[in-house]
Protein backbone atom coordinates (compact mmCIF):
# COMPACT_ATOMS: atom_id res chain seq x y z
CA MET A 1 0.15 -0.05 -0.27
CA LYS A 2 2.97 2.25 0.69
CA ARG A 3 4.23 1.65 -2.73
CA LEU A 4 1.06 2.45 -4.18
CA ILE A 5 0.95 5.96 -2.60
CA ILE A 6 4.24 6.72 -3.26
CA LEU A 7 3.56 6.08 -7.16
CA GLY A 8 0.89 8.41 -6.62
CA VAL A 9 2.41 11.07 -5.44
CA THR A 10 5.23 10.75 -7.86
CA LEU A 11 2.58 10.67 -10.69
CA VAL A 12 1.12 13.79 -9.03
CA LEU A 13 4.33 15.62 -9.21
CA LEU A 14 5.03 14.41 -13.01
CA VAL A 15 1.76 15.76 -14.05
CA GLY A 16 2.49 19.47 -12.44
CA ILE A 17 5.91 19.46 -14.02
CA VAL A 18 4.70 18.22 -17.53
CA VAL A 19 1.36 19.80 -17.54
CA GLY A 20 1.62 22.68 -15.28
CA TRP A 21 0.54 23.22 -11.45
CA GLY A 22 -2.87 24.58 -12.98
CA SER A 23 -3.81 20.71 -13.53
CA ILE A 24 -2.33 19.37 -10.12
CA ARG A 25 -5.79 19.41 -8.52
CA GLN A 26 -7.41 18.04 -11.75
CA ALA A 27 -4.84 14.88 -11.32
CA GLY A 28 -4.87 14.47 -7.87
CA ALA A 29 -8.42 14.09 -7.96
CA GLN A 30 -8.36 11.63 -10.46
CA ILE A 31 -5.60 9.57 -8.56
CA SER A 32 -7.69 9.94 -5.32
CA GLU A 33 -10.51 8.84 -7.20
CA PHE A 34 -8.43 5.54 -8.24
CA PHE A 35 -6.86 4.49 -5.03
CA TYR A 36 -10.23 5.46 -2.91
CA ASP A 37 -12.54 2.30 -1.99
CA ASP A 38 -16.32 2.90 -1.46
CA PRO A 39 -17.71 0.33 1.21
CA ASP A 40 -20.76 -0.34 -0.73
CA MET A 41 -18.47 -0.47 -3.98
CA PRO A 42 -15.01 -1.18 -3.97
CA SER A 43 -12.10 -0.50 -6.76
CA ALA A 44 -12.75 -4.14 -8.13
CA PHE A 45 -16.26 -3.19 -8.83
CA ARG A 46 -15.11 0.09 -11.16
CA ALA A 47 -16.27 -1.20 -14.74
CA ILE A 48 -19.72 -1.77 -13.43
CA LYS A 49 -19.86 1.42 -11.40
CA GLU A 50 -18.86 2.97 -14.64
CA GLU A 51 -21.52 1.44 -16.65
CA MET A 52 -24.50 1.69 -14.39
CA GLY A 53 -23.77 4.14 -11.41
CA LYS A 54 -23.93 3.45 -7.85
CA GLU A 55 -27.61 3.96 -7.54
CA GLU A 56 -28.49 1.20 -10.03
CA PHE A 57 -25.98 -1.16 -8.86
CA MET A 58 -27.15 -0.88 -4.98
CA GLN A 59 -30.82 -1.90 -6.49
CA LYS A 60 -29.56 -4.50 -8.49
CA ARG A 61 -27.27 -6.19 -5.53
CA ALA A 62 -30.59 -5.59 -3.27
CA GLU A 63 -32.85 -7.54 -5.47
CA ASN A 64 -30.00 -10.31 -5.94
CA ILE A 65 -29.63 -10.49 -2.12
CA ALA A 66 -33.87 -10.69 -2.25
CA MET A 67 -33.71 -13.83 -4.58
CA TYR A 68 -31.06 -15.85 -2.29
CA ARG A 69 -33.84 -15.36 0.42
CA GLY A 70 -36.98 -16.43 -1.04
CA LEU A 71 -38.15 -12.91 -1.75
CA ALA A 72 -37.45 -12.28 -5.05
CA GLY A 73 -40.52 -10.83 -7.25
CA ASP A 74 -43.61 -8.18 -6.18
CA GLU A 75 -45.46 -10.74 -4.09
CA PRO A 76 -46.03 -10.09 -0.54
CA VAL A 77 -44.50 -11.85 1.70
CA ASP A 78 -46.13 -13.80 4.63
CA PRO A 79 -43.99 -14.35 7.64
CA GLN A 80 -46.62 -16.26 9.11
CA LEU A 81 -45.60 -19.55 6.19
CA ARG A 82 -42.13 -19.74 7.93
CA ILE A 83 -43.51 -19.71 11.49
CA ASP A 84 -45.83 -22.65 10.42
CA ALA A 85 -43.80 -24.76 8.71
CA ILE A 86 -41.07 -24.67 12.12
CA GLY A 87 -44.56 -25.64 13.98
CA ALA A 88 -45.07 -28.26 11.29
CA LEU A 89 -41.29 -29.29 11.87
CA ASP A 90 -41.78 -29.75 15.51
CA GLU A 91 -45.09 -31.58 15.81
CA GLN A 92 -43.78 -34.58 12.99
CA GLN A 93 -40.53 -34.78 15.76
CA ARG A 94 -42.86 -35.02 18.19
CA PHE A 95 -45.20 -37.26 16.47
CA SER A 96 -42.13 -39.67 15.56
CA GLY A 97 -40.87 -39.73 19.08
CA LEU A 98 -37.28 -38.12 17.43
CA THR A 99 -35.95 -35.08 19.04
CA PRO A 100 -32.50 -33.69 17.94
CA GLU A 101 -31.23 -35.10 21.40
CA ASN A 102 -31.77 -38.46 20.81
CA ALA A 103 -32.47 -38.72 16.84
CA PRO A 104 -28.22 -40.07 16.28
CA THR A 105 -29.11 -43.15 18.89
CA ALA A 106 -32.27 -43.78 18.19
CA ALA A 107 -33.38 -47.05 16.84
CA TRP A 108 -34.37 -47.80 13.20
CA THR A 109 -36.71 -50.03 11.69
CA GLU A 110 -36.16 -51.05 8.06
CA ILE A 111 -39.52 -50.41 5.88
CA GLY A 112 -37.75 -51.14 2.34
CA PRO A 113 -37.21 -51.64 -0.75
CA ASN A 114 -37.46 -55.09 -0.62
CA PRO A 115 -38.07 -57.94 -3.37
CA ILE A 116 -41.36 -58.87 -4.57
CA PRO A 117 -42.21 -62.33 -3.46
CA ASN A 118 -43.03 -64.52 -5.95
CA GLY A 119 -42.28 -62.29 -8.55
CA GLN A 120 -40.89 -64.53 -11.06
CA VAL A 121 -44.21 -65.53 -12.98
CA VAL A 122 -43.10 -66.50 -16.42
CA ASN A 123 -40.60 -69.59 -17.17
CA GLY A 124 -39.08 -70.03 -13.80
CA PRO A 125 -40.00 -71.10 -10.39
CA GLN A 126 -41.59 -68.66 -8.06
CA LEU A 127 -38.55 -66.63 -6.68
CA ALA A 128 -38.10 -63.24 -5.07
CA VAL A 129 -36.85 -60.27 -7.67
CA SER A 130 -36.15 -57.12 -7.61
CA GLY A 131 -35.87 -54.25 -10.14
CA ARG A 132 -36.75 -50.79 -10.71
CA VAL A 133 -40.07 -49.65 -9.72
CA THR A 134 -41.30 -46.83 -11.30
CA ALA A 135 -45.14 -46.27 -10.08
CA ILE A 136 -47.27 -47.81 -8.16
CA ALA A 137 -51.30 -47.58 -8.33
CA VAL A 138 -53.56 -48.62 -5.40
CA HIS A 139 -57.62 -50.01 -6.37
CA PRO A 140 -59.31 -46.98 -4.57
CA THR A 141 -61.88 -49.78 -3.06
CA ASN A 142 -59.95 -52.83 -2.74
CA ALA A 143 -56.16 -52.49 -1.13
CA ASN A 144 -55.28 -56.12 -2.22
CA ILE A 145 -55.53 -55.01 -5.89
CA VAL A 146 -52.44 -53.32 -6.87
CA TYR A 147 -50.58 -51.99 -10.14
CA VAL A 148 -46.93 -51.97 -10.17
CA ALA A 149 -44.92 -50.47 -13.28
CA THR A 150 -41.52 -51.61 -13.43
CA ALA A 151 -38.38 -49.49 -15.63
CA GLN A 152 -38.16 -52.38 -18.60
CA GLY A 153 -40.57 -54.81 -17.46
CA GLY A 154 -44.02 -53.61 -18.00
CA VAL A 155 -46.96 -53.69 -15.39
CA TYR A 156 -47.59 -56.19 -12.74
CA ARG A 157 -51.18 -57.03 -10.83
CA THR A 158 -51.61 -58.42 -7.31
CA THR A 159 -55.11 -58.98 -6.38
CA ASP A 160 -54.02 -60.53 -3.07
CA GLY A 161 -51.81 -58.23 -1.68
CA GLY A 162 -48.73 -58.89 -3.01
CA THR A 163 -48.51 -62.68 -2.74
CA SER A 164 -48.45 -63.61 -6.32
CA TRP A 165 -48.49 -61.26 -9.45
CA THR A 166 -49.65 -61.46 -12.68
CA PRO A 167 -48.02 -59.29 -16.25
CA LEU A 168 -50.44 -57.83 -17.76
CA LEU A 169 -48.42 -55.72 -20.63
CA ASP A 170 -46.10 -58.28 -22.25
CA GLY A 171 -47.37 -58.10 -25.30
CA ALA A 172 -46.54 -54.21 -25.61
CA LEU A 173 -44.21 -52.55 -27.82
CA ARG A 174 -42.33 -51.22 -25.10
CA LEU A 175 -42.05 -52.42 -21.86
CA ALA A 176 -40.21 -49.66 -20.68
CA SER A 177 -43.67 -48.44 -17.71
CA ASN A 178 -43.03 -44.92 -16.16
CA THR A 179 -46.58 -44.39 -14.91
CA VAL A 180 -49.47 -45.90 -14.20
CA ALA A 181 -53.25 -44.43 -13.45
CA ILE A 182 -56.51 -46.17 -12.35
CA ALA A 183 -59.61 -44.47 -13.73
CA PRO A 184 -61.65 -42.96 -11.27
CA SER A 185 -64.97 -43.38 -13.00
CA GLN A 186 -64.25 -46.90 -13.78
CA PRO A 187 -61.58 -48.67 -11.32
CA ASP A 188 -61.20 -51.42 -13.36
CA THR A 189 -59.95 -49.57 -16.31
CA ILE A 190 -55.72 -48.72 -15.97
CA PHE A 191 -53.84 -46.65 -18.34
CA VAL A 192 -50.04 -46.98 -18.72
CA GLY A 193 -47.47 -44.39 -19.39
CA THR A 194 -44.49 -45.86 -21.39
CA GLY A 195 -40.98 -44.63 -21.60
CA GLU A 196 -39.14 -43.56 -18.57
CA SER A 197 -39.09 -39.39 -18.19
CA GLY A 198 -35.61 -39.54 -15.80
CA PHE A 199 -33.52 -38.84 -18.80
CA SER A 200 -31.03 -41.25 -17.44
CA GLY A 201 -28.13 -43.08 -18.91
CA ASP A 202 -29.92 -46.22 -18.25
CA ALA A 203 -33.34 -44.62 -18.96
CA PHE A 204 -35.64 -46.18 -22.04
CA PHE A 205 -37.92 -44.86 -24.35
CA GLY A 206 -41.85 -45.62 -24.94
CA ALA A 207 -44.22 -46.13 -27.63
CA GLY A 208 -47.24 -44.09 -25.72
CA ILE A 209 -50.10 -44.82 -23.72
CA TYR A 210 -52.08 -48.51 -23.13
CA ARG A 211 -55.13 -49.10 -22.02
CA ILE A 212 -56.21 -51.98 -19.68
CA ASP A 213 -59.85 -52.70 -19.08
CA ASN A 214 -60.96 -55.97 -16.97
CA ALA A 215 -57.58 -55.02 -15.32
CA SER A 216 -58.29 -56.97 -12.12
CA THR A 217 -60.08 -59.93 -13.76
CA VAL A 218 -58.40 -63.07 -15.25
CA SER A 219 -59.06 -61.53 -19.00
CA PRO A 220 -57.92 -58.32 -18.96
CA ILE A 221 -58.08 -56.67 -22.39
CA VAL A 222 -55.34 -54.02 -23.64
CA THR A 223 -55.44 -51.35 -26.12
CA GLY A 224 -52.75 -49.51 -27.54
CA PRO A 225 -50.35 -47.78 -28.02
CA ILE A 226 -52.94 -45.05 -27.89
CA GLY A 227 -51.16 -41.84 -29.59
CA GLY A 228 -49.34 -43.69 -32.20
CA ALA A 229 -46.01 -41.86 -33.89
CA ASN A 230 -46.34 -39.21 -31.77
CA PHE A 231 -45.18 -40.66 -28.66
CA THR A 232 -42.84 -43.10 -30.25
CA GLY A 233 -39.47 -42.57 -28.59
CA ARG A 234 -40.77 -40.47 -25.78
CA ALA A 235 -41.95 -40.55 -22.27
CA ILE A 236 -45.01 -40.52 -20.63
CA GLY A 237 -44.23 -38.70 -17.12
CA ASP A 238 -47.81 -38.90 -15.52
CA ILE A 239 -51.36 -39.32 -16.25
CA ALA A 240 -53.98 -37.19 -14.78
């Protein structure tokens, strides 16, 4: 810093000698401006300051800080939202019996994922198998009827709460199944969206949407793919 000050004084003297002492004030002001650091706009922001001015810079800085705090935009902020969220978190901890004091040593109970019992239903013995499950739909009035979509294995159905499974979509153009939805007006009709929407390296593309009528019976009727070429090579992320 001392070297910079000495350099500045030397420059002032040189300017005074070359252009005359009448210009010494102007040269001094420029040198002072060069070395002066505004706490809000340090010299590192000199180019920005010259481009937009301090007022605009301060405004944009305030907007950027507000964005990081989740206060961006013109919508009013309700401080009660955070209070409610903290209250909900406290309630969840109370309900679970976990507190910050006992959480590290609390007992854990495994809930899954687990292999599907008797999942090997074709060309082999009844074995427990596992794979990437992409969607699960439970019958609205009979919890024993469940439909499971798999990443590259089609759709499976159980009518006995998971004891046995039946493949429903082995004849589809694409077995990559991403979503399954039960028709609210007719729970025995389901819709299956093919193609994985995760866009990962092992995600498979689909062929459209399939409709399965009489899905919970021994003679399901498969229609599709619906949509034709419009959905070829694409993925159905969800069905509403």
